[in-house]
Amino acid sequence: SEIRNERKTKVGKVVTTNGKTIVVAVVDTESHPLYKKSVKKTVKFKAHDENNEAHVGDTVSIMETRPLSKDKCWRLVEILERAK
């Protein structure tokens, strides 16, 4: 059962909510290959929120899981910070 702990986790902001699905935007900064300037890269992940706890603007932690639908394979782990 060591492999079970190898699941990826990401931290991001909730962009939209719809039923039990939340869309989390994860911002990553990477260096431009030629100009070496920091470039923000945003990737959106659909995550499963069983109890509809998360709201737009919350900072949340999500974890990889089995595919729950066509393009949803993440689940909400915890809400790190509520929207103000």
PDB file of N, CA and C in Angstrom:
ATOM      1  N   SER A   1       0.823  -1.205   0.000  1.00  0.00           N
ATOM      2  CA  SER A   1       0.000   0.000   0.000  1.00  0.00           C
ATOM      3  C   SER A   1       0.864   1.264   0.000  1.00  0.00           C
ATOM      4  N   GLU A   2       2.155   1.120  -0.320  1.00  0.00           N
ATOM      5  CA  GLU A   2       3.031   2.297  -0.381  1.00  0.00           C
ATOM      6  C   GLU A   2       2.693   3.181  -1.581  1.00  0.00           C
ATOM      7  N   ILE A   3       2.223   2.547  -2.669  1.00  0.00           N
ATOM      8  CA  ILE A   3       1.915   3.294  -3.891  1.00  0.00           C
ATOM      9  C   ILE A   3       0.745   4.252  -3.663  1.00  0.00           C
ATOM     10  N   ARG A   4      -0.156   3.928  -2.758  1.00  0.00           N
ATOM     11  CA  ARG A   4      -1.330   4.762  -2.494  1.00  0.00           C
ATOM     12  C   ARG A   4      -0.921   6.164  -2.038  1.00  0.00           C
ATOM     13  N   ASN A   5       0.205   6.287  -1.365  1.00  0.00           N
ATOM     14  CA  ASN A   5       0.660   7.585  -0.880  1.00  0.00           C
ATOM     15  C   ASN A   5       1.403   8.388  -1.942  1.00  0.00           C
ATOM     16  N   GLU A   6       1.591   7.808  -3.120  1.00  0.00           N
ATOM     17  CA  GLU A   6       2.327   8.469  -4.190  1.00  0.00           C
ATOM     18  C   GLU A   6       1.442   9.395  -5.020  1.00  0.00           C
ATOM     19  N   ARG A   7       0.175   9.558  -4.637  1.00  0.00           N
ATOM     20  CA  ARG A   7      -0.743  10.368  -5.427  1.00  0.00           C
ATOM     21  C   ARG A   7      -0.332  11.823  -5.420  1.00  0.00           C
ATOM     22  N   LYS A   8      -0.493  12.464  -6.579  1.00  0.00           N
ATOM     23  CA  LYS A   8      -0.116  13.867  -6.709  1.00  0.00           C
ATOM     24  C   LYS A   8      -1.120  14.756  -5.990  1.00  0.00           C
ATOM     25  N   THR A   9      -0.627  15.834  -5.397  1.00  0.00           N
ATOM     26  CA  THR A   9      -1.506  16.840  -4.801  1.00  0.00           C
ATOM     27  C   THR A   9      -1.139  18.188  -5.377  1.00  0.00           C
ATOM     28  N   LYS A  10      -2.134  19.057  -5.515  1.00  0.00           N
ATOM     29  CA  LYS A  10      -1.921  20.405  -6.034  1.00  0.00           C
ATOM     30  C   LYS A  10      -2.715  21.390  -5.189  1.00  0.00           C
ATOM     31  N   VAL A  11      -2.246  22.644  -5.168  1.00  0.00           N
ATOM     32  CA  VAL A  11      -2.935  23.708  -4.448  1.00  0.00           C
ATOM     33  C   VAL A  11      -3.320  24.778  -5.448  1.00  0.00           C
ATOM     34  N   GLY A  12      -4.587  25.207  -5.401  1.00  0.00           N
ATOM     35  CA  GLY A  12      -5.050  26.225  -6.339  1.00  0.00           C
ATOM     36  C   GLY A  12      -6.292  26.932  -5.838  1.00  0.00           C
ATOM     37  N   LYS A  13      -6.805  27.825  -6.669  1.00  0.00           N
ATOM     38  CA  LYS A  13      -7.995  28.604  -6.331  1.00  0.00           C
ATOM     39  C   LYS A  13      -9.210  28.078  -7.077  1.00  0.00           C
ATOM     40  N   VAL A  14     -10.357  28.059  -6.399  1.00  0.00           N
ATOM     41  CA  VAL A  14     -11.597  27.610  -7.026  1.00  0.00           C
ATOM     42  C   VAL A  14     -12.096  28.714  -7.955  1.00  0.00           C
ATOM     43  N   VAL A  15     -12.305  28.359  -9.235  1.00  0.00           N
ATOM     44  CA  VAL A  15     -12.757  29.325 -10.239  1.00  0.00           C
ATOM     45  C   VAL A  15     -14.273  29.255 -10.388  1.00  0.00           C
ATOM     46  N   THR A  16     -14.814  28.028 -10.508  1.00  0.00           N
ATOM     47  CA  THR A  16     -16.255  27.858 -10.631  1.00  0.00           C
ATOM     48  C   THR A  16     -16.702  26.631  -9.850  1.00  0.00           C
ATOM     49  N   THR A  17     -17.987  26.624  -9.478  1.00  0.00           N
ATOM     50  CA  THR A  17     -18.579  25.445  -8.847  1.00  0.00           C
ATOM     51  C   THR A  17     -19.853  25.099  -9.603  1.00  0.00           C
ATOM     52  N   ASN A  18     -20.126  23.795  -9.709  1.00  0.00           N
ATOM     53  CA  ASN A  18     -21.325  23.346 -10.412  1.00  0.00           C
ATOM     54  C   ASN A  18     -21.687  21.971  -9.865  1.00  0.00           C
ATOM     55  N   GLY A  19     -22.707  21.910  -9.003  1.00  0.00           N
ATOM     56  CA  GLY A  19     -23.073  20.632  -8.404  1.00  0.00           C
ATOM     57  C   GLY A  19     -21.959  20.142  -7.502  1.00  0.00           C
ATOM     58  N   LYS A  20     -21.506  18.919  -7.719  1.00  0.00           N
ATOM     59  CA  LYS A  20     -20.426  18.368  -6.903  1.00  0.00           C
ATOM     60  C   LYS A  20     -19.060  18.550  -7.559  1.00  0.00           C
ATOM     61  N   THR A  21     -19.002  19.337  -8.630  1.00  0.00           N
ATOM     62  CA  THR A  21     -17.740  19.566  -9.331  1.00  0.00           C
ATOM     63  C   THR A  21     -17.245  20.983  -9.084  1.00  0.00           C
ATOM     64  N   ILE A  22     -15.939  21.100  -8.795  1.00  0.00           N
ATOM     65  CA  ILE A  22     -15.321  22.420  -8.714  1.00  0.00           C
ATOM     66  C   ILE A  22     -14.198  22.479  -9.746  1.00  0.00           C
ATOM     67  N   VAL A  23     -13.944  23.678 -10.279  1.00  0.00           N
ATOM     68  CA  VAL A  23     -12.832  23.862 -11.202  1.00  0.00           C
ATOM     69  C   VAL A  23     -11.762  24.650 -10.462  1.00  0.00           C
ATOM     70  N   VAL A  24     -10.566  24.065 -10.364  1.00  0.00           N
ATOM     71  CA  VAL A  24      -9.469  24.655  -9.610  1.00  0.00           C
ATOM     72  C   VAL A  24      -8.385  25.116 -10.571  1.00  0.00           C
ATOM     73  N   ALA A  25      -8.015  26.400 -10.484  1.00  0.00           N
ATOM     74  CA  ALA A  25      -6.948  26.954 -11.316  1.00  0.00           C
ATOM     75  C   ALA A  25      -5.644  26.894 -10.536  1.00  0.00           C
ATOM     76  N   VAL A  26      -4.673  26.178 -11.063  1.00  0.00           N
ATOM     77  CA  VAL A  26      -3.366  26.041 -10.431  1.00  0.00           C
ATOM     78  C   VAL A  26      -2.371  26.895 -11.205  1.00  0.00           C
ATOM     79  N   VAL A  27      -1.773  27.885 -10.526  1.00  0.00           N
ATOM     80  CA  VAL A  27      -0.823  28.788 -11.174  1.00  0.00           C
ATOM     81  C   VAL A  27       0.593  28.295 -10.898  1.00  0.00           C
ATOM     82  N   ASP A  28       1.372  28.165 -11.969  1.00  0.00           N
ATOM     83  CA  ASP A  28       2.741  27.684 -11.864  1.00  0.00           C
ATOM     84  C   ASP A  28       3.652  28.685 -12.571  1.00  0.00           C
ATOM     85  N   THR A  29       4.759  29.067 -11.952  1.00  0.00           N
ATOM     86  CA  THR A  29       5.686  29.975 -12.622  1.00  0.00           C
ATOM     87  C   THR A  29       6.863  29.168 -13.149  1.00  0.00           C
ATOM     88  N   GLU A  30       7.176  29.390 -14.425  1.00  0.00           N
ATOM     89  CA  GLU A  30       8.327  28.711 -15.013  1.00  0.00           C
ATOM     90  C   GLU A  30       9.167  29.721 -15.773  1.00  0.00           C
ATOM     91  N   SER A  31      10.436  29.414 -15.928  1.00  0.00           N
ATOM     92  CA  SER A  31      11.360  30.307 -16.610  1.00  0.00           C
ATOM     93  C   SER A  31      11.235  30.138 -18.125  1.00  0.00           C
ATOM     94  N   HIS A  32      11.179  31.260 -18.844  1.00  0.00           N
ATOM     95  CA  HIS A  32      11.105  31.209 -20.304  1.00  0.00           C
ATOM     96  C   HIS A  32      12.409  30.624 -20.841  1.00  0.00           C
ATOM     97  N   PRO A  33      12.341  29.671 -21.782  1.00  0.00           N
ATOM     98  CA  PRO A  33      13.557  29.000 -22.244  1.00  0.00           C
ATOM     99  C   PRO A  33      14.607  29.926 -22.858  1.00  0.00           C
ATOM    100  N   LEU A  34      14.160  30.976 -23.565  1.00  0.00           N
ATOM    101  CA  LEU A  34      15.107  31.861 -24.236  1.00  0.00           C
ATOM    102  C   LEU A  34      15.397  33.123 -23.423  1.00  0.00           C
ATOM    103  N   TYR A  35      14.351  33.760 -22.911  1.00  0.00           N
ATOM    104  CA  TYR A  35      14.521  35.065 -22.268  1.00  0.00           C
ATOM    105  C   TYR A  35      14.695  34.992 -20.759  1.00  0.00           C
ATOM    106  N   LYS A  36      14.542  33.809 -20.164  1.00  0.00           N
ATOM    107  CA  LYS A  36      14.757  33.565 -18.733  1.00  0.00           C
ATOM    108  C   LYS A  36      13.851  34.390 -17.821  1.00  0.00           C
ATOM    109  N   LYS A  37      12.773  34.930 -18.375  1.00  0.00           N
ATOM    110  CA  LYS A  37      11.822  35.702 -17.563  1.00  0.00           C
ATOM    111  C   LYS A  37      10.805  34.728 -16.964  1.00  0.00           C
ATOM    112  N   SER A  38      10.337  34.990 -15.743  1.00  0.00           N
ATOM    113  CA  SER A  38       9.322  34.151 -15.117  1.00  0.00           C
ATOM    114  C   SER A  38       7.995  34.343 -15.828  1.00  0.00           C
ATOM    115  N   VAL A  39       7.394  33.231 -16.246  1.00  0.00           N
ATOM    116  CA  VAL A  39       6.118  33.273 -16.952  1.00  0.00           C
ATOM    117  C   VAL A  39       5.097  32.508 -16.128  1.00  0.00           C
ATOM    118  N   LYS A  40       3.928  33.118 -15.870  1.00  0.00           N
ATOM    119  CA  LYS A  40       2.853  32.436 -15.150  1.00  0.00           C
ATOM    120  C   LYS A  40       2.127  31.506 -16.103  1.00  0.00           C
ATOM    121  N   LYS A  41       1.912  30.287 -15.668  1.00  0.00           N
ATOM    122  CA  LYS A  41       1.186  29.300 -16.461  1.00  0.00           C
ATOM    123  C   LYS A  41       0.036  28.785 -15.610  1.00  0.00           C
ATOM    124  N   THR A  42      -1.203  28.932 -16.104  1.00  0.00           N
ATOM    125  CA  THR A  42      -2.377  28.508 -15.357  1.00  0.00           C
ATOM    126  C   THR A  42      -2.987  27.270 -15.999  1.00  0.00           C
ATOM    127  N   VAL A  43      -3.219  26.251 -15.190  1.00  0.00           N
ATOM    128  CA  VAL A  43      -3.857  25.030 -15.656  1.00  0.00           C
ATOM    129  C   VAL A  43      -5.096  24.801 -14.793  1.00  0.00           C
ATOM    130  N   LYS A  44      -6.222  24.453 -15.436  1.00  0.00           N
ATOM    131  CA  LYS A  44      -7.460  24.218 -14.695  1.00  0.00           C
ATOM    132  C   LYS A  44      -7.714  22.721 -14.547  1.00  0.00           C
ATOM    133  N   PHE A  45      -8.116  22.322 -13.350  1.00  0.00           N
ATOM    134  CA  PHE A  45      -8.441  20.928 -13.060  1.00  0.00           C
ATOM    135  C   PHE A  45      -9.858  20.843 -12.530  1.00  0.00           C
ATOM    136  N   LYS A  46     -10.620  19.837 -13.005  1.00  0.00           N
ATOM    137  CA  LYS A  46     -11.938  19.583 -12.448  1.00  0.00           C
ATOM    138  C   LYS A  46     -11.771  18.617 -11.287  1.00  0.00           C
ATOM    139  N   ALA A  47     -12.363  18.969 -10.149  1.00  0.00           N
ATOM    140  CA  ALA A  47     -12.227  18.144  -8.951  1.00  0.00           C
ATOM    141  C   ALA A  47     -13.594  17.839  -8.356  1.00  0.00           C
ATOM    142  N   HIS A  48     -13.671  16.702  -7.654  1.00  0.00           N
ATOM    143  CA  HIS A  48     -14.923  16.254  -7.049  1.00  0.00           C
ATOM    144  C   HIS A  48     -15.029  16.802  -5.628  1.00  0.00           C
ATOM    145  N   ASP A  49     -16.144  17.483  -5.347  1.00  0.00           N
ATOM    146  CA  ASP A  49     -16.403  18.057  -4.026  1.00  0.00           C
ATOM    147  C   ASP A  49     -17.685  17.427  -3.496  1.00  0.00           C
ATOM    148  N   GLU A  50     -17.540  16.357  -2.728  1.00  0.00           N
ATOM    149  CA  GLU A  50     -18.683  15.530  -2.317  1.00  0.00           C
ATOM    150  C   GLU A  50     -19.737  16.308  -1.529  1.00  0.00           C
ATOM    151  N   ASN A  51     -19.319  17.174  -0.602  1.00  0.00           N
ATOM    152  CA  ASN A  51     -20.270  17.850   0.289  1.00  0.00           C
ATOM    153  C   ASN A  51     -20.528  19.306  -0.085  1.00  0.00           C
ATOM    154  N   ASN A  52     -20.140  19.707  -1.291  1.00  0.00           N
ATOM    155  CA  ASN A  52     -20.319  21.096  -1.753  1.00  0.00           C
ATOM    156  C   ASN A  52     -19.783  22.110  -0.744  1.00  0.00           C
ATOM    157  N   GLU A  53     -18.568  21.870  -0.248  1.00  0.00           N
ATOM    158  CA  GLU A  53     -17.989  22.724   0.793  1.00  0.00           C
ATOM    159  C   GLU A  53     -17.288  23.940   0.201  1.00  0.00           C
ATOM    160  N   ALA A  54     -16.669  23.781  -0.967  1.00  0.00           N
ATOM    161  CA  ALA A  54     -15.840  24.837  -1.535  1.00  0.00           C
ATOM    162  C   ALA A  54     -16.687  25.869  -2.274  1.00  0.00           C
ATOM    163  N   HIS A  55     -16.264  27.133  -2.210  1.00  0.00           N
ATOM    164  CA  HIS A  55     -16.924  28.226  -2.918  1.00  0.00           C
ATOM    165  C   HIS A  55     -15.899  28.945  -3.788  1.00  0.00           C
ATOM    166  N   VAL A  56     -16.384  29.760  -4.719  1.00  0.00           N
ATOM    167  CA  VAL A  56     -15.497  30.485  -5.628  1.00  0.00           C
ATOM    168  C   VAL A  56     -14.570  31.399  -4.823  1.00  0.00           C
ATOM    169  N   GLY A  57     -13.273  31.339  -5.135  1.00  0.00           N
ATOM    170  CA  GLY A  57     -12.293  32.181  -4.465  1.00  0.00           C
ATOM    171  C   GLY A  57     -11.538  31.476  -3.361  1.00  0.00           C
ATOM    172  N   ASP A  58     -12.011  30.311  -2.922  1.00  0.00           N
ATOM    173  CA  ASP A  58     -11.324  29.561  -1.869  1.00  0.00           C
ATOM    174  C   ASP A  58     -10.011  28.983  -2.400  1.00  0.00           C
ATOM    175  N   THR A  59      -9.009  28.916  -1.538  1.00  0.00           N
ATOM    176  CA  THR A  59      -7.770  28.222  -1.861  1.00  0.00           C
ATOM    177  C   THR A  59      -7.896  26.804  -1.322  1.00  0.00           C
ATOM    178  N   VAL A  60      -7.743  25.824  -2.220  1.00  0.00           N
ATOM    179  CA  VAL A  60      -7.985  24.432  -1.836  1.00  0.00           C
ATOM    180  C   VAL A  60      -6.821  23.531  -2.223  1.00  0.00           C
ATOM    181  N   SER A  61      -6.789  22.360  -1.602  1.00  0.00           N
ATOM    182  CA  SER A  61      -5.824  21.318  -1.933  1.00  0.00           C
ATOM    183  C   SER A  61      -6.590  20.179  -2.592  1.00  0.00           C
ATOM    184  N   ILE A  62      -6.096  19.700  -3.752  1.00  0.00           N
ATOM    185  CA  ILE A  62      -6.753  18.592  -4.446  1.00  0.00           C
ATOM    186  C   ILE A  62      -5.772  17.434  -4.615  1.00  0.00           C
ATOM    187  N   MET A  63      -6.323  16.229  -4.702  1.00  0.00           N
ATOM    188  CA  MET A  63      -5.502  15.037  -4.843  1.00  0.00           C
ATOM    189  C   MET A  63      -5.981  14.202  -6.021  1.00  0.00           C
ATOM    190  N   GLU A  64      -5.035  13.583  -6.715  1.00  0.00           N
ATOM    191  CA  GLU A  64      -5.345  12.715  -7.841  1.00  0.00           C
ATOM    192  C   GLU A  64      -6.124  11.496  -7.362  1.00  0.00           C
ATOM    193  N   THR A  65      -7.091  11.055  -8.169  1.00  0.00           N
ATOM    194  CA  THR A  65      -7.884   9.886  -7.814  1.00  0.00           C
ATOM    195  C   THR A  65      -8.280   9.144  -9.089  1.00  0.00           C
ATOM    196  N   ARG A  66      -9.088   8.097  -8.944  1.00  0.00           N
ATOM    197  CA  ARG A  66      -9.535   7.364 -10.129  1.00  0.00           C
ATOM    198  C   ARG A  66     -10.439   8.270 -10.970  1.00  0.00           C
ATOM    199  N   PRO A  67     -10.579   8.004 -12.272  1.00  0.00           N
ATOM    200  CA  PRO A  67     -11.465   8.831 -13.087  1.00  0.00           C
ATOM    201  C   PRO A  67     -12.904   8.772 -12.575  1.00  0.00           C
ATOM    202  N   LEU A  68     -13.492   9.951 -12.323  1.00  0.00           N
ATOM    203  CA  LEU A  68     -14.861  10.030 -11.820  1.00  0.00           C
ATOM    204  C   LEU A  68     -15.833  10.364 -12.939  1.00  0.00           C
ATOM    205  N   SER A  69     -15.332  10.960 -14.024  1.00  0.00           N
ATOM    206  CA  SER A  69     -16.137  11.236 -15.212  1.00  0.00           C
ATOM    207  C   SER A  69     -15.155  11.389 -16.372  1.00  0.00           C
ATOM    208  N   LYS A  70     -15.648  11.878 -17.507  1.00  0.00           N
ATOM    209  CA  LYS A  70     -14.801  11.988 -18.697  1.00  0.00           C
ATOM    210  C   LYS A  70     -13.532  12.795 -18.451  1.00  0.00           C
ATOM    211  N   ASP A  71     -13.655  13.930 -17.749  1.00  0.00           N
ATOM    212  CA  ASP A  71     -12.463  14.763 -17.529  1.00  0.00           C
ATOM    213  C   ASP A  71     -12.305  15.191 -16.074  1.00  0.00           C
ATOM    214  N   LYS A  72     -12.797  14.358 -15.142  1.00  0.00           N
ATOM    215  CA  LYS A  72     -12.652  14.660 -13.713  1.00  0.00           C
ATOM    216  C   LYS A  72     -11.934  13.517 -13.026  1.00  0.00           C
ATOM    217  N   CYS A  73     -10.679  13.734 -12.626  1.00  0.00           N
ATOM    218  CA  CYS A  73      -9.917  12.691 -11.936  1.00  0.00           C
ATOM    219  C   CYS A  73      -9.128  13.273 -10.758  1.00  0.00           C
ATOM    220  N   TRP A  74      -9.710  14.288 -10.125  1.00  0.00           N
ATOM    221  CA  TRP A  74      -9.135  14.872  -8.912  1.00  0.00           C
ATOM    222  C   TRP A  74     -10.235  14.975  -7.878  1.00  0.00           C
ATOM    223  N   ARG A  75      -9.859  15.042  -6.585  1.00  0.00           N
ATOM    224  CA  ARG A  75     -10.860  15.225  -5.543  1.00  0.00           C
ATOM    225  C   ARG A  75     -10.361  16.254  -4.534  1.00  0.00           C
ATOM    226  N   LEU A  76     -11.316  16.914  -3.899  1.00  0.00           N
ATOM    227  CA  LEU A  76     -11.006  17.921  -2.894  1.00  0.00           C
ATOM    228  C   LEU A  76     -10.482  17.239  -1.639  1.00  0.00           C
ATOM    229  N   VAL A  77      -9.323  17.707  -1.141  1.00  0.00           N
ATOM    230  CA  VAL A  77      -8.775  17.159   0.092  1.00  0.00           C
ATOM    231  C   VAL A  77      -9.161  18.058   1.257  1.00  0.00           C
ATOM    232  N   GLU A  78      -8.818  19.349   1.159  1.00  0.00           N
ATOM    233  CA  GLU A  78      -9.168  20.283   2.222  1.00  0.00           C
ATOM    234  C   GLU A  78      -9.205  21.711   1.698  1.00  0.00           C
ATOM    235  N   ILE A  79      -9.924  22.550   2.416  1.00  0.00           N
ATOM    236  CA  ILE A  79      -9.977  23.978   2.082  1.00  0.00           C
ATOM    237  C   ILE A  79      -8.948  24.674   2.957  1.00  0.00           C
ATOM    238  N   LEU A  80      -7.936  25.245   2.307  1.00  0.00           N
ATOM    239  CA  LEU A  80      -6.839  25.867   3.042  1.00  0.00           C
ATOM    240  C   LEU A  80      -7.191  27.280   3.507  1.00  0.00           C
ATOM    241  N   GLU A  81      -7.896  28.033   2.638  1.00  0.00           N
ATOM    242  CA  GLU A  81      -8.237  29.401   2.985  1.00  0.00           C
ATOM    243  C   GLU A  81      -9.558  29.785   2.335  1.00  0.00           C
ATOM    244  N   ARG A  82     -10.463  30.343   3.123  1.00  0.00           N
ATOM    245  CA  ARG A  82     -11.757  30.775   2.613  1.00  0.00           C
ATOM    246  C   ARG A  82     -11.628  32.092   1.878  1.00  0.00           C
ATOM    247  N   ALA A  83     -12.521  32.327   0.892  1.00  0.00           N
ATOM    248  CA  ALA A  83     -12.536  33.608   0.182  1.00  0.00           C
ATOM    249  C   ALA A  83     -12.997  34.700   1.136  1.00  0.00           C
ATOM    250  N   LYS A  84     -12.416  35.875   0.999  1.00  0.00           N
ATOM    251  CA  LYS A  84     -12.764  36.982   1.897  1.00  0.00           C
ATOM    252  C   LYS A  84     -13.989  37.702   1.409  1.00  0.00           C
TER     253      LYS A  84
END
